Amino acid sequence: MIISLKYVSWSFLTKADWIVGIMSGVILYGLFASGHAFMQWLHIPIEPYVQHLYSSISPSVWWQHLLMFLLIIPGEELFWRGYLHKRLFTLSPFQRTIVAASFYTAAHLCSLNPLLALAAFVGGIMWGALFEWRQKIEVAMIAHVVFDVLLVYLFPLS
């Protein structure tokens, strides 16, 4: 991941980059909230998976909150988009996004939580597509942070 730090440069972000990143995080959260409501409407028993997800990813002490925003989110974006996604340059942008999101999903399978795996795939597609579109890892980081703030702190789904 340290190799990928050379890709981060906040000073080159335009106003449009910030807007795209923030709005993408909001849209992704809206998609998750809508999917959650739809599954509840269909009476699909997802709440145990949602509870497990929150118990496993939600920070509980102050330093975990710091780690989430200073290490985990930037680290995920730097590795999955900044490193792996860029190494798939022989594929088309669509193929790169799908393959990188699939690897990102595979890394989440060890949780044995199908909801987390689905969330990882959908998030991986969104953040990979943002990376392809804007060609800036920082836009994907902004979207990821906004999404996590909405999902974990402001409007949890359970």
Foldseek 3Di string as FASTA:
>chain_A
DVVLVVQDDPVPDDPVLLVLLLVLLVVLLVVVLVVLVVCVVVVPPCVVLLVLVLVVQADDDDVSVVCVLPPVLVVCLSPLQSPQLVVVVVDDLQVSLQVSLQVQLVVVCVSVRVVVSVSSSVLSNSLSVSCVVVVGSVSSSSSVVSNCCCCRPNPPND
